[in-house]
Amino acid sequence: MNELTIRQEMCEIGRRVYERGMVAANDGNFSVKLSDKEFLCTPTGVSKGFMTPECICRIDGEGKLLEENGVYKPSSEMKMHMRVYRERPDVQAVVHAHPPYATTFAAAGIPLEKPVLAEAVLTLGRVPVAGYGTPSTKEVPDAVAQYLPFYDAMLLANHGALAYGSSLMNAYYKMESLEFYARILYQTHCLGAVRELSAKQVEDIYEIRKKSGMPGRHPATHPEAVRTP
């Protein structure tokens, strides 16, 4: 895709995130890697549901503007995004949002680890909770770092959720899957009956993932994955 097409896609994903209630007001941010030294990112102080291509900022690997962009400035959360790109060279896009069910688990400090959905086991495996860090500081990238080699999505304690992947659409889909998983897990708890898949059933799903060659990091291919303390 050329740069204009990527900017347009970022605006489309922004509308999806906003309309699905995954962010409120000006919350959330996402980015796309153009090269090892250039990235596009969403601007601070702008609702993700109302962005236009000219709002998107071009930044370097430190999160600094490469060219003036009118009143638009990059999100202060780019420190977290840049840490993802440094630790995971395979990642081409990062999405950070505050989906309600996932953020509820994040606020409670509860990881999404119960195998209640075959699809979630296949695509995500587990979703850990990274420790709390003050937004826009180095504390946040430091908190997520230990989970980056093993997972493609995580909860951010008392903050929200983070997903990343081989494209912006891929990262967004992971965010959707994470929120759906959290919602189903929450609702089963409300019913008072959580019927988990057996260890054998989980291992069978892991084998399907291995044989399919699905990209990304997952407990199926990284059994040493760090669990939330």
Protein backbone atom coordinates (compact mmCIF):
# COMPACT_ATOMS: atom_id res chain seq x y z
CA MET A 1 0.00 0.00 0.00
CA ASN A 2 1.13 3.53 -0.66
CA GLU A 3 1.18 6.03 2.19
CA LEU A 4 -2.14 7.68 1.34
CA THR A 5 -3.87 4.30 1.34
CA ILE A 6 -2.37 3.50 4.76
CA ARG A 7 -3.54 6.85 6.12
CA GLN A 8 -7.03 6.15 4.80
CA GLU A 9 -7.01 2.70 6.38
CA MET A 10 -5.96 4.23 9.71
CA CYS A 11 -8.96 6.53 9.54
CA GLU A 12 -11.25 3.59 8.72
CA ILE A 13 -9.91 1.56 11.66
CA GLY A 14 -10.37 4.65 13.81
CA ARG A 15 -14.05 4.76 12.88
CA ARG A 16 -14.46 1.06 13.62
CA VAL A 17 -12.80 1.36 17.02
CA TYR A 18 -14.91 4.40 17.90
CA GLU A 19 -18.22 3.01 16.65
CA ARG A 20 -17.69 -0.28 18.48
CA GLY A 21 -17.21 1.61 21.74
CA MET A 22 -13.61 0.51 22.14
CA VAL A 23 -12.60 4.09 22.94
CA ALA A 24 -14.27 7.15 24.42
CA ALA A 25 -13.70 10.77 23.41
CA ASN A 26 -10.06 11.08 22.24
CA ASP A 27 -8.80 7.83 23.78
CA GLY A 28 -6.73 5.17 22.04
CA ASN A 29 -3.94 5.28 19.49
CA PHE A 30 -2.41 3.15 16.76
CA SER A 31 0.55 3.19 14.44
CA VAL A 32 1.92 1.60 11.27
CA LYS A 33 5.55 0.89 10.40
CA LEU A 34 6.69 2.32 7.06
CA SER A 35 10.37 1.43 7.52
CA ASP A 36 12.81 0.91 10.38
CA LYS A 37 13.07 4.68 10.74
CA GLU A 38 9.63 5.95 9.74
CA PHE A 39 6.17 5.34 11.17
CA LEU A 40 2.68 6.75 10.88
CA CYS A 41 0.66 7.32 14.05
CA THR A 42 -2.64 8.77 15.20
CA PRO A 43 -2.63 12.31 16.60
CA THR A 44 -3.20 13.23 20.21
CA GLY A 45 -6.38 15.08 21.18
CA VAL A 46 -8.39 13.86 18.17
CA SER A 47 -11.28 11.41 18.33
CA LYS A 48 -10.42 8.24 16.46
CA GLY A 49 -13.89 8.29 14.94
CA PHE A 50 -13.36 11.61 13.17
CA MET A 51 -9.82 11.48 11.82
CA THR A 52 -8.89 12.44 8.27
CA PRO A 53 -5.74 11.38 6.40
CA GLU A 54 -4.05 14.74 6.96
CA CYS A 55 -4.37 14.28 10.75
CA ILE A 56 -1.99 11.32 10.70
CA CYS A 57 1.55 12.09 11.90
CA ARG A 58 4.82 10.81 10.43
CA ILE A 59 7.36 10.07 13.18
CA ASP A 60 10.81 8.54 13.67
CA GLY A 61 11.82 5.60 15.88
CA GLU A 62 11.84 7.85 18.94
CA GLY A 63 8.28 9.01 18.36
CA LYS A 64 9.33 12.49 17.21
CA LEU A 65 7.69 14.32 14.31
CA LEU A 66 9.61 14.06 11.06
CA GLU A 67 7.65 16.88 9.46
CA GLU A 68 5.36 19.57 10.78
CA ASN A 69 1.72 18.58 10.64
CA GLY A 70 -0.21 21.72 11.45
CA VAL A 71 -1.79 21.53 14.89
CA TYR A 72 -1.53 17.73 15.01
CA LYS A 73 1.00 16.09 17.29
CA PRO A 74 1.76 12.38 17.83
CA SER A 75 0.24 10.55 20.76
CA SER A 76 2.40 10.50 23.89
CA GLU A 77 1.83 6.72 24.00
CA MET A 78 4.20 6.22 21.07
CA LYS A 79 6.89 5.18 23.57
CA MET A 80 4.91 1.98 24.08
CA HIS A 81 4.47 1.45 20.33
CA MET A 82 8.18 1.95 19.64
CA ARG A 83 9.06 -0.63 22.29
CA VAL A 84 6.82 -3.14 20.50
CA TYR A 85 8.55 -2.48 17.17
CA ARG A 86 12.02 -2.78 18.72
CA GLU A 87 11.26 -6.05 20.50
CA ARG A 88 9.22 -7.55 17.65
CA PRO A 89 10.71 -6.92 14.18
CA ASP A 90 7.86 -8.96 12.66
CA VAL A 91 5.26 -6.43 13.81
CA GLN A 92 4.03 -3.87 11.27
CA ALA A 93 1.21 -2.21 13.22
CA VAL A 94 0.10 -1.59 16.81
CA VAL A 95 -3.37 -0.85 18.18
CA HIS A 96 -4.07 0.45 21.69
CA ALA A 97 -7.68 0.88 22.82
CA HIS A 98 -9.95 0.68 25.88
CA PRO A 99 -12.56 -1.95 24.96
CA PRO A 100 -14.99 -2.16 27.93
CA TYR A 101 -14.93 -5.86 28.78
CA ALA A 102 -11.20 -6.26 28.27
CA THR A 103 -10.54 -3.09 30.25
CA THR A 104 -12.77 -4.41 33.04
CA PHE A 105 -10.47 -7.43 33.35
CA ALA A 106 -7.45 -5.12 33.14
CA ALA A 107 -8.82 -2.96 35.96
CA ALA A 108 -9.41 -6.07 38.05
CA GLY A 109 -5.93 -7.41 37.26
CA ILE A 110 -7.38 -10.65 35.87
CA PRO A 111 -5.71 -12.18 32.77
CA LEU A 112 -7.78 -13.87 30.07
CA GLU A 113 -6.50 -17.39 30.56
CA LYS A 114 -9.55 -19.65 30.84
CA PRO A 115 -9.97 -21.78 27.70
CA VAL A 116 -13.68 -21.23 27.11
CA LEU A 117 -13.64 -20.41 23.37
CA ALA A 118 -11.94 -22.59 20.77
CA GLU A 119 -11.41 -19.55 18.53
CA ALA A 120 -9.71 -17.57 21.31
CA VAL A 121 -7.47 -20.53 22.13
CA LEU A 122 -6.49 -20.72 18.45
CA THR A 123 -5.88 -17.03 17.79
CA LEU A 124 -4.70 -15.71 21.16
CA GLY A 125 -3.96 -18.65 23.42
CA ARG A 126 -3.89 -16.53 26.57
CA VAL A 127 -3.92 -12.79 27.24
CA PRO A 128 -1.74 -11.67 30.18
CA VAL A 129 -1.99 -8.46 32.21
CA ALA A 130 1.05 -6.19 32.03
CA GLY A 131 1.73 -4.28 35.25
CA TYR A 132 0.52 -0.72 35.68
CA GLY A 133 2.57 2.16 34.31
CA THR A 134 1.83 5.87 34.30
CA PRO A 135 0.48 6.71 30.81
CA SER A 136 2.93 8.36 28.40
CA THR A 137 5.94 7.46 30.58
CA LYS A 138 8.68 4.85 30.20
CA GLU A 139 6.89 2.77 32.84
CA VAL A 140 4.38 1.52 30.26
CA PRO A 141 6.85 0.14 27.68
CA ASP A 142 8.87 -1.39 30.51
CA ALA A 143 5.74 -3.11 31.82
CA VAL A 144 4.78 -4.66 28.47
CA ALA A 145 8.31 -5.71 27.47
CA GLN A 146 8.39 -9.09 29.24
CA TYR A 147 5.28 -10.29 27.38
CA LEU A 148 6.16 -9.10 23.88
CA PRO A 149 8.23 -12.16 22.85
CA PHE A 150 5.41 -14.57 23.68
CA TYR A 151 2.05 -12.92 22.96
CA ASP A 152 0.37 -10.81 20.27
CA ALA A 153 -2.05 -9.10 22.67
CA MET A 154 -2.18 -8.12 26.32
CA LEU A 155 -4.17 -6.20 28.87
CA LEU A 156 -2.65 -3.10 30.46
CA ALA A 157 -3.43 -2.95 34.19
CA ASN A 158 -5.94 -0.18 35.02
CA HIS A 159 -5.57 1.17 31.50
CA GLY A 160 -6.79 -0.82 28.50
CA ALA A 161 -5.53 -3.31 25.92
CA LEU A 162 -2.75 -3.64 23.36
CA ALA A 163 -2.63 -5.71 20.16
CA TYR A 164 -0.10 -5.84 17.33
CA GLY A 165 0.45 -7.80 14.15
CA SER A 166 1.59 -8.10 10.56
CA SER A 167 -0.73 -5.32 9.35
CA LEU A 168 -3.05 -2.71 10.83
CA MET A 169 -6.10 -4.81 9.98
CA ASN A 170 -4.47 -7.87 11.56
CA ALA A 171 -3.73 -5.94 14.77
CA TYR A 172 -7.28 -4.55 14.82
CA TYR A 173 -8.79 -8.02 14.40
CA LYS A 174 -6.75 -9.21 17.38
CA MET A 175 -8.20 -6.36 19.41
CA GLU A 176 -11.70 -7.39 18.33
CA SER A 177 -10.99 -11.03 19.24
CA LEU A 178 -9.57 -10.00 22.62
CA GLU A 179 -12.67 -7.98 23.47
CA PHE A 180 -15.01 -10.76 22.33
CA TYR A 181 -13.09 -13.27 24.46
CA ALA A 182 -13.32 -10.96 27.48
CA ARG A 183 -17.04 -10.44 26.96
CA ILE A 184 -17.81 -14.16 26.76
CA LEU A 185 -15.64 -14.90 29.79
CA TYR A 186 -17.38 -12.16 31.77
CA GLN A 187 -20.84 -13.41 30.79
CA THR A 188 -20.06 -17.01 31.71
CA HIS A 189 -18.98 -15.79 35.13
CA CYS A 190 -22.28 -13.92 35.44
CA LEU A 191 -24.10 -17.18 34.70
CA GLY A 192 -22.08 -18.87 37.39
CA ALA A 193 -21.02 -21.70 35.10
CA VAL A 194 -17.74 -21.69 33.22
CA ARG A 195 -17.17 -24.90 31.25
CA GLU A 196 -13.53 -24.90 30.21
CA LEU A 197 -11.96 -26.95 27.44
CA SER A 198 -9.86 -29.82 28.71
CA ALA A 199 -6.06 -29.80 28.54
CA LYS A 200 -6.30 -32.36 25.71
CA GLN A 201 -8.75 -30.20 23.76
CA VAL A 202 -6.49 -27.16 24.17
CA GLU A 203 -3.47 -29.16 22.99
CA ASP A 204 -5.42 -30.34 19.93
CA ILE A 205 -6.19 -26.72 19.03
CA TYR A 206 -2.54 -25.79 19.53
CA GLU A 207 -1.58 -28.54 17.09
CA ILE A 208 -3.99 -27.13 14.51
CA ARG A 209 -2.32 -23.75 14.88
CA LYS A 210 1.16 -25.22 14.52
CA LYS A 211 0.23 -27.14 11.37
CA SER A 212 -1.50 -24.14 9.80
CA GLY A 213 1.62 -22.01 10.10
CA MET A 214 -0.27 -19.03 11.53
CA PRO A 215 2.12 -16.07 12.06
CA GLY A 216 2.74 -14.27 15.32
CA ARG A 217 3.59 -15.33 18.85
CA HIS A 218 1.40 -17.76 20.76
CA PRO A 219 1.70 -20.23 23.66
CA ALA A 220 1.31 -23.07 21.15
CA THR A 221 4.74 -22.29 19.71
CA HIS A 222 6.22 -20.60 22.79
CA PRO A 223 5.49 -22.90 25.74
CA GLU A 224 7.88 -20.85 27.88
CA ALA A 225 5.43 -17.92 27.65
CA VAL A 226 5.46 -15.68 30.69
CA ARG A 227 2.30 -15.92 32.77
CA THR A 228 0.83 -13.04 34.72
CA PRO A 229 2.08 -13.30 38.32
